[in-house]
């Protein structure tokens, strides 16, 4: 897939899903179908990050599909 320039995204590599039930970060350079990035953007739950460490500091867990190492 590709990086997005829609919703809150402006070409950033990482997209966090701020949905209270998810709270996970995705790597758009390794996006998988199960990540459902377009749905996250349509729901206005997208939060852009330039670094994975920044998303982790903000409390987001890794997506099991595109990043692995989820702590859930």
PDB file of N, CA and C in Angstrom:
ATOM      1  N   UNK A   1       0.849  -1.182   0.000  1.00  0.00           N
ATOM      2  CA  UNK A   1       0.000   0.000   0.000  1.00  0.00           C
ATOM      3  C   UNK A   1       0.894   1.245   0.000  1.00  0.00           C
ATOM      4  N   UNK A   2       0.295   2.389   0.270  1.00  0.00           N
ATOM      5  CA  UNK A   2       1.060   3.627   0.183  1.00  0.00           C
ATOM      6  C   UNK A   2       0.716   4.562   1.337  1.00  0.00           C
ATOM      7  N   UNK A   3       1.593   5.497   1.530  1.00  0.00           N
ATOM      8  CA  UNK A   3       1.310   6.518   2.535  1.00  0.00           C
ATOM      9  C   UNK A   3       0.135   7.360   2.068  1.00  0.00           C
ATOM     10  N   UNK A   4      -0.564   7.943   3.015  1.00  0.00           N
ATOM     11  CA  UNK A   4      -1.795   8.671   2.709  1.00  0.00           C
ATOM     12  C   UNK A   4      -1.602  10.188   2.824  1.00  0.00           C
ATOM     13  N   UNK A   5      -2.416  10.899   2.056  1.00  0.00           N
ATOM     14  CA  UNK A   5      -2.486  12.356   2.131  1.00  0.00           C
ATOM     15  C   UNK A   5      -3.945  12.777   2.286  1.00  0.00           C
ATOM     16  N   UNK A   6      -4.713  11.929   2.976  1.00  0.00           N
ATOM     17  CA  UNK A   6      -6.124  12.219   3.228  1.00  0.00           C
ATOM     18  C   UNK A   6      -6.362  12.217   4.724  1.00  0.00           C
ATOM     19  N   UNK A   7      -7.518  12.691   5.137  1.00  0.00           N
ATOM     20  CA  UNK A   7      -7.816  12.762   6.565  1.00  0.00           C
ATOM     21  C   UNK A   7      -6.791  13.659   7.242  1.00  0.00           C
ATOM     22  N   UNK A   8      -6.234  13.207   8.346  1.00  0.00           N
ATOM     23  CA  UNK A   8      -5.215  13.964   9.070  1.00  0.00           C
ATOM     24  C   UNK A   8      -3.803  13.650   8.584  1.00  0.00           C
ATOM     25  N   UNK A   9      -3.693  12.716   7.653  1.00  0.00           N
ATOM     26  CA  UNK A   9      -2.391  12.254   7.197  1.00  0.00           C
ATOM     27  C   UNK A   9      -1.812  13.181   6.131  1.00  0.00           C
ATOM     28  N   UNK A  10      -0.499  13.396   6.210  1.00  0.00           N
ATOM     29  CA  UNK A  10       0.187  14.230   5.245  1.00  0.00           C
ATOM     30  C   UNK A  10       1.477  13.534   4.800  1.00  0.00           C
ATOM     31  N   UNK A  11       1.371  12.248   4.498  1.00  0.00           N
ATOM     32  CA  UNK A  11       2.516  11.482   4.038  1.00  0.00           C
ATOM     33  C   UNK A  11       3.361  10.873   5.148  1.00  0.00           C
ATOM     34  N   UNK A  12       2.900  10.978   6.401  1.00  0.00           N
ATOM     35  CA  UNK A  12       3.652  10.394   7.510  1.00  0.00           C
ATOM     36  C   UNK A  12       3.688   8.873   7.375  1.00  0.00           C
ATOM     37  N   UNK A  13       4.736   8.274   7.947  1.00  0.00           N
ATOM     38  CA  UNK A  13       4.889   6.818   7.864  1.00  0.00           C
ATOM     39  C   UNK A  13       3.954   6.080   8.809  1.00  0.00           C
ATOM     40  N   UNK A  14       3.673   6.642   9.977  1.00  0.00           N
ATOM     41  CA  UNK A  14       2.895   5.928  11.001  1.00  0.00           C
ATOM     42  C   UNK A  14       1.533   6.570  11.195  1.00  0.00           C
ATOM     43  N   UNK A  15       0.526   5.738  11.290  1.00  0.00           N
ATOM     44  CA  UNK A  15      -0.844   6.181  11.529  1.00  0.00           C
ATOM     45  C   UNK A  15      -1.345   5.478  12.785  1.00  0.00           C
ATOM     46  N   UNK A  16      -1.750   6.265  13.762  1.00  0.00           N
ATOM     47  CA  UNK A  16      -2.318   5.693  14.984  1.00  0.00           C
ATOM     48  C   UNK A  16      -3.834   5.753  14.898  1.00  0.00           C
ATOM     49  N   UNK A  17      -4.466   4.725  15.418  1.00  0.00           N
ATOM     50  CA  UNK A  17      -5.926   4.647  15.473  1.00  0.00           C
ATOM     51  C   UNK A  17      -6.333   5.058  16.878  1.00  0.00           C
ATOM     52  N   UNK A  18      -6.946   6.251  16.987  1.00  0.00           N
ATOM     53  CA  UNK A  18      -7.290   6.767  18.314  1.00  0.00           C
ATOM     54  C   UNK A  18      -8.593   6.208  18.869  1.00  0.00           C
ATOM     55  N   UNK A  19      -9.222   5.282  18.156  1.00  0.00           N
ATOM     56  CA  UNK A  19     -10.425   4.632  18.658  1.00  0.00           C
ATOM     57  C   UNK A  19     -10.111   4.011  20.018  1.00  0.00           C
ATOM     58  N   UNK A  20     -10.964   4.294  20.996  1.00  0.00           N
ATOM     59  CA  UNK A  20     -10.715   3.828  22.367  1.00  0.00           C
ATOM     60  C   UNK A  20     -10.570   2.314  22.451  1.00  0.00           C
ATOM     61  N   UNK A  21     -11.228   1.594  21.566  1.00  0.00           N
ATOM     62  CA  UNK A  21     -11.152   0.135  21.615  1.00  0.00           C
ATOM     63  C   UNK A  21      -9.894  -0.409  20.926  1.00  0.00           C
ATOM     64  N   UNK A  22      -9.187   0.418  20.177  1.00  0.00           N
ATOM     65  CA  UNK A  22      -8.011  -0.048  19.426  1.00  0.00           C
ATOM     66  C   UNK A  22      -6.709   0.505  19.995  1.00  0.00           C
ATOM     67  N   UNK A  23      -6.524   1.818  19.906  1.00  0.00           N
ATOM     68  CA  UNK A  23      -5.301   2.490  20.390  1.00  0.00           C
ATOM     69  C   UNK A  23      -4.039   1.790  19.883  1.00  0.00           C
ATOM     70  N   UNK A  24      -3.948   1.630  18.546  1.00  0.00           N
ATOM     71  CA  UNK A  24      -2.780   0.974  17.978  1.00  0.00           C
ATOM     72  C   UNK A  24      -2.184   1.825  16.864  1.00  0.00           C
ATOM     73  N   UNK A  25      -0.900   1.596  16.583  1.00  0.00           N
ATOM     74  CA  UNK A  25      -0.183   2.329  15.550  1.00  0.00           C
ATOM     75  C   UNK A  25       0.156   1.381  14.403  1.00  0.00           C
ATOM     76  N   UNK A  26       0.066   1.908  13.179  1.00  0.00           N
ATOM     77  CA  UNK A  26       0.312   1.141  11.958  1.00  0.00           C
ATOM     78  C   UNK A  26       1.499   1.725  11.205  1.00  0.00           C
ATOM     79  N   UNK A  27       2.252   0.854  10.534  1.00  0.00           N
ATOM     80  CA  UNK A  27       3.370   1.256   9.682  1.00  0.00           C
ATOM     81  C   UNK A  27       2.871   1.239   8.239  1.00  0.00           C
ATOM     82  N   UNK A  28       2.688   2.409   7.641  1.00  0.00           N
ATOM     83  CA  UNK A  28       2.134   2.465   6.294  1.00  0.00           C
ATOM     84  C   UNK A  28       3.112   1.973   5.230  1.00  0.00           C
ATOM     85  N   UNK A  29       4.391   1.836   5.568  1.00  0.00           N
ATOM     86  CA  UNK A  29       5.349   1.253   4.626  1.00  0.00           C
ATOM     87  C   UNK A  29       5.285  -0.274   4.631  1.00  0.00           C
ATOM     88  N   UNK A  30       4.514  -0.837   5.548  1.00  0.00           N
ATOM     89  CA  UNK A  30       4.367  -2.291   5.652  1.00  0.00           C
ATOM     90  C   UNK A  30       2.895  -2.662   5.859  1.00  0.00           C
ATOM     91  N   UNK A  31       2.006  -1.833   5.347  1.00  0.00           N
ATOM     92  CA  UNK A  31       0.565  -1.994   5.565  1.00  0.00           C
ATOM     93  C   UNK A  31       0.043  -3.329   5.036  1.00  0.00           C
ATOM     94  N   UNK A  32      -0.827  -3.949   5.807  1.00  0.00           N
ATOM     95  CA  UNK A  32      -1.496  -5.193   5.423  1.00  0.00           C
ATOM     96  C   UNK A  32      -2.988  -4.926   5.254  1.00  0.00           C
ATOM     97  N   UNK A  33      -3.668  -5.787   4.524  1.00  0.00           N
ATOM     98  CA  UNK A  33      -5.110  -5.635   4.300  1.00  0.00           C
ATOM     99  C   UNK A  33      -5.873  -5.564   5.624  1.00  0.00           C
ATOM    100  N   UNK A  34      -5.461  -6.359   6.606  1.00  0.00           N
ATOM    101  CA  UNK A  34      -6.147  -6.396   7.903  1.00  0.00           C
ATOM    102  C   UNK A  34      -6.032  -5.089   8.690  1.00  0.00           C
ATOM    103  N   UNK A  35      -5.123  -4.213   8.304  1.00  0.00           N
ATOM    104  CA  UNK A  35      -4.948  -2.946   9.021  1.00  0.00           C
ATOM    105  C   UNK A  35      -6.156  -2.016   8.838  1.00  0.00           C
ATOM    106  N   UNK A  36      -6.836  -2.117   7.714  1.00  0.00           N
ATOM    107  CA  UNK A  36      -8.039  -1.330   7.421  1.00  0.00           C
ATOM    108  C   UNK A  36      -7.794   0.179   7.580  1.00  0.00           C
ATOM    109  N   UNK A  37      -6.715   0.664   6.994  1.00  0.00           N
ATOM    110  CA  UNK A  37      -6.313   2.067   7.122  1.00  0.00           C
ATOM    111  C   UNK A  37      -7.375   3.020   6.577  1.00  0.00           C
ATOM    112  N   UNK A  38      -7.924   2.716   5.404  1.00  0.00           N
ATOM    113  CA  UNK A  38      -8.937   3.613   4.830  1.00  0.00           C
ATOM    114  C   UNK A  38     -10.146   3.758   5.747  1.00  0.00           C
ATOM    115  N   UNK A  39     -10.535   2.689   6.410  1.00  0.00           N
ATOM    116  CA  UNK A  39     -11.662   2.739   7.345  1.00  0.00           C
ATOM    117  C   UNK A  39     -11.331   3.613   8.560  1.00  0.00           C
ATOM    118  N   UNK A  40     -10.105   3.534   9.042  1.00  0.00           N
ATOM    119  CA  UNK A  40      -9.682   4.361  10.180  1.00  0.00           C
ATOM    120  C   UNK A  40      -9.756   5.838   9.799  1.00  0.00           C
ATOM    121  N   UNK A  41      -9.285   6.164   8.589  1.00  0.00           N
ATOM    122  CA  UNK A  41      -9.325   7.560   8.126  1.00  0.00           C
ATOM    123  C   UNK A  41     -10.771   8.020   7.950  1.00  0.00           C
ATOM    124  N   UNK A  42     -11.613   7.179   7.346  1.00  0.00           N
ATOM    125  CA  UNK A  42     -13.031   7.553   7.156  1.00  0.00           C
ATOM    126  C   UNK A  42     -13.733   7.818   8.486  1.00  0.00           C
ATOM    127  N   UNK A  43     -13.368   7.076   9.519  1.00  0.00           N
ATOM    128  CA  UNK A  43     -13.975   7.254  10.843  1.00  0.00           C
ATOM    129  C   UNK A  43     -13.368   8.428  11.608  1.00  0.00           C
ATOM    130  N   UNK A  44     -12.389   9.093  10.982  1.00  0.00           N
ATOM    131  CA  UNK A  44     -11.705  10.245  11.592  1.00  0.00           C
ATOM    132  C   UNK A  44     -10.966   9.859  12.875  1.00  0.00           C
ATOM    133  N   UNK A  45     -10.420   8.653  12.889  1.00  0.00           N
ATOM    134  CA  UNK A  45      -9.652   8.156  14.040  1.00  0.00           C
ATOM    135  C   UNK A  45      -8.151   8.148  13.766  1.00  0.00           C
ATOM    136  N   UNK A  46      -7.727   8.778  12.666  1.00  0.00           N
ATOM    137  CA  UNK A  46      -6.325   8.755  12.269  1.00  0.00           C
ATOM    138  C   UNK A  46      -5.512   9.859  12.949  1.00  0.00           C
ATOM    139  N   UNK A  47      -4.370   9.450  13.514  1.00  0.00           N
ATOM    140  CA  UNK A  47      -3.433  10.379  14.143  1.00  0.00           C
ATOM    141  C   UNK A  47      -2.068  10.117  13.516  1.00  0.00           C
ATOM    142  N   UNK A  48      -1.482  11.132  12.853  1.00  0.00           N
ATOM    143  CA  UNK A  48      -0.207  10.919  12.171  1.00  0.00           C
ATOM    144  C   UNK A  48       0.997  11.006  13.107  1.00  0.00           C
ATOM    145  N   UNK A  49       2.007  10.189  12.813  1.00  0.00           N
ATOM    146  CA  UNK A  49       3.285  10.222  13.536  1.00  0.00           C
ATOM    147  C   UNK A  49       4.415  10.005  12.548  1.00  0.00           C
ATOM    148  N   UNK A  50       5.519  10.706  12.756  1.00  0.00           N
ATOM    149  CA  UNK A  50       6.715  10.528  11.932  1.00  0.00           C
ATOM    150  C   UNK A  50       7.636   9.467  12.496  1.00  0.00           C
ATOM    151  N   UNK A  51       7.456   9.131  13.778  1.00  0.00           N
ATOM    152  CA  UNK A  51       8.311   8.105  14.374  1.00  0.00           C
ATOM    153  C   UNK A  51       7.476   7.150  15.217  1.00  0.00           C
ATOM    154  N   UNK A  52       7.890   5.904  15.227  1.00  0.00           N
ATOM    155  CA  UNK A  52       7.218   4.878  16.011  1.00  0.00           C
ATOM    156  C   UNK A  52       7.364   5.167  17.499  1.00  0.00           C
ATOM    157  N   UNK A  53       8.524   5.652  17.904  1.00  0.00           N
ATOM    158  CA  UNK A  53       8.742   5.937  19.325  1.00  0.00           C
ATOM    159  C   UNK A  53       7.798   7.028  19.832  1.00  0.00           C
ATOM    160  N   UNK A  54       7.479   8.009  18.993  1.00  0.00           N
ATOM    161  CA  UNK A  54       6.531   9.056  19.393  1.00  0.00           C
ATOM    162  C   UNK A  54       5.135   8.473  19.619  1.00  0.00           C
ATOM    163  N   UNK A  55       4.730   7.555  18.754  1.00  0.00           N
ATOM    164  CA  UNK A  55       3.418   6.915  18.915  1.00  0.00           C
ATOM    165  C   UNK A  55       3.392   6.062  20.179  1.00  0.00           C
ATOM    166  N   UNK A  56       4.488   5.354  20.452  1.00  0.00           N
ATOM    167  CA  UNK A  56       4.564   4.552  21.682  1.00  0.00           C
ATOM    168  C   UNK A  56       4.502   5.443  22.912  1.00  0.00           C
ATOM    169  N   UNK A  57       5.204   6.564  22.883  1.00  0.00           N
ATOM    170  CA  UNK A  57       5.198   7.506  24.005  1.00  0.00           C
ATOM    171  C   UNK A  57       3.790   8.036  24.261  1.00  0.00           C
ATOM    172  N   UNK A  58       3.012   8.180  23.190  1.00  0.00           N
ATOM    173  CA  UNK A  58       1.630   8.661  23.304  1.00  0.00           C
ATOM    174  C   UNK A  58       0.676   7.564  23.756  1.00  0.00           C
ATOM    175  N   UNK A  59       1.177   6.339  23.939  1.00  0.00           N
ATOM    176  CA  UNK A  59       0.352   5.267  24.485  1.00  0.00           C
ATOM    177  C   UNK A  59      -0.226   4.288  23.484  1.00  0.00           C
ATOM    178  N   UNK A  60       0.249   4.326  22.250  1.00  0.00           N
ATOM    179  CA  UNK A  60      -0.268   3.403  21.234  1.00  0.00           C
ATOM    180  C   UNK A  60       0.529   2.101  21.211  1.00  0.00           C
ATOM    181  N   UNK A  61      -0.167   0.991  21.027  1.00  0.00           N
ATOM    182  CA  UNK A  61       0.429  -0.337  20.924  1.00  0.00           C
ATOM    183  C   UNK A  61       0.676  -0.635  19.442  1.00  0.00           C
ATOM    184  N   UNK A  62       1.575  -1.559  19.138  1.00  0.00           N
ATOM    185  CA  UNK A  62       1.838  -1.975  17.764  1.00  0.00           C
ATOM    186  C   UNK A  62       0.658  -2.744  17.191  1.00  0.00           C
ATOM    187  N   UNK A  63       0.368  -2.507  15.924  1.00  0.00           N
ATOM    188  CA  UNK A  63      -0.590  -3.345  15.188  1.00  0.00           C
ATOM    189  C   UNK A  63       0.038  -4.718  15.028  1.00  0.00           C
ATOM    190  N   UNK A  64      -0.714  -5.757  15.291  1.00  0.00           N
ATOM    191  CA  UNK A  64      -0.214  -7.128  15.188  1.00  0.00           C
ATOM    192  C   UNK A  64       0.118  -7.511  13.754  1.00  0.00           C
ATOM    193  N   UNK A  65      -0.496  -6.854  12.764  1.00  0.00           N
ATOM    194  CA  UNK A  65      -0.325  -7.244  11.368  1.00  0.00           C
ATOM    195  C   UNK A  65       0.867  -6.561  10.693  1.00  0.00           C
ATOM    196  N   UNK A  66       0.987  -5.250  10.812  1.00  0.00           N
ATOM    197  CA  UNK A  66       2.026  -4.542  10.068  1.00  0.00           C
ATOM    198  C   UNK A  66       3.293  -4.289  10.866  1.00  0.00           C
ATOM    199  N   UNK A  67       3.199  -4.326  12.188  1.00  0.00           N
ATOM    200  CA  UNK A  67       4.370  -4.104  13.031  1.00  0.00           C
ATOM    201  C   UNK A  67       4.753  -5.321  13.854  1.00  0.00           C
ATOM    202  N   UNK A  68       3.771  -6.077  14.324  1.00  0.00           N
ATOM    203  CA  UNK A  68       4.046  -7.206  15.188  1.00  0.00           C
ATOM    204  C   UNK A  68       4.454  -6.720  16.570  1.00  0.00           C
ATOM    205  N   UNK A  69       4.666  -7.629  17.481  1.00  0.00           N
ATOM    206  CA  UNK A  69       5.097  -7.270  18.811  1.00  0.00           C
ATOM    207  C   UNK A  69       4.050  -6.577  19.661  1.00  0.00           C
ATOM    208  N   UNK A  70       2.789  -6.806  19.338  1.00  0.00           N
ATOM    209  CA  UNK A  70       1.704  -6.215  20.125  1.00  0.00           C
ATOM    210  C   UNK A  70       1.786  -6.711  21.565  1.00  0.00           C
ATOM    211  N   UNK A  71       1.504  -5.833  22.495  1.00  0.00           N
ATOM    212  CA  UNK A  71       1.549  -6.216  23.909  1.00  0.00           C
ATOM    213  C   UNK A  71       0.204  -6.683  24.419  1.00  0.00           C
ATOM    214  N   UNK A  72      -0.781  -6.824  23.531  1.00  0.00           N
ATOM    215  CA  UNK A  72      -2.122  -7.276  23.928  1.00  0.00           C
ATOM    216  C   UNK A  72      -2.251  -8.773  23.779  1.00  0.00           C
TER     217      UNK A  72
END
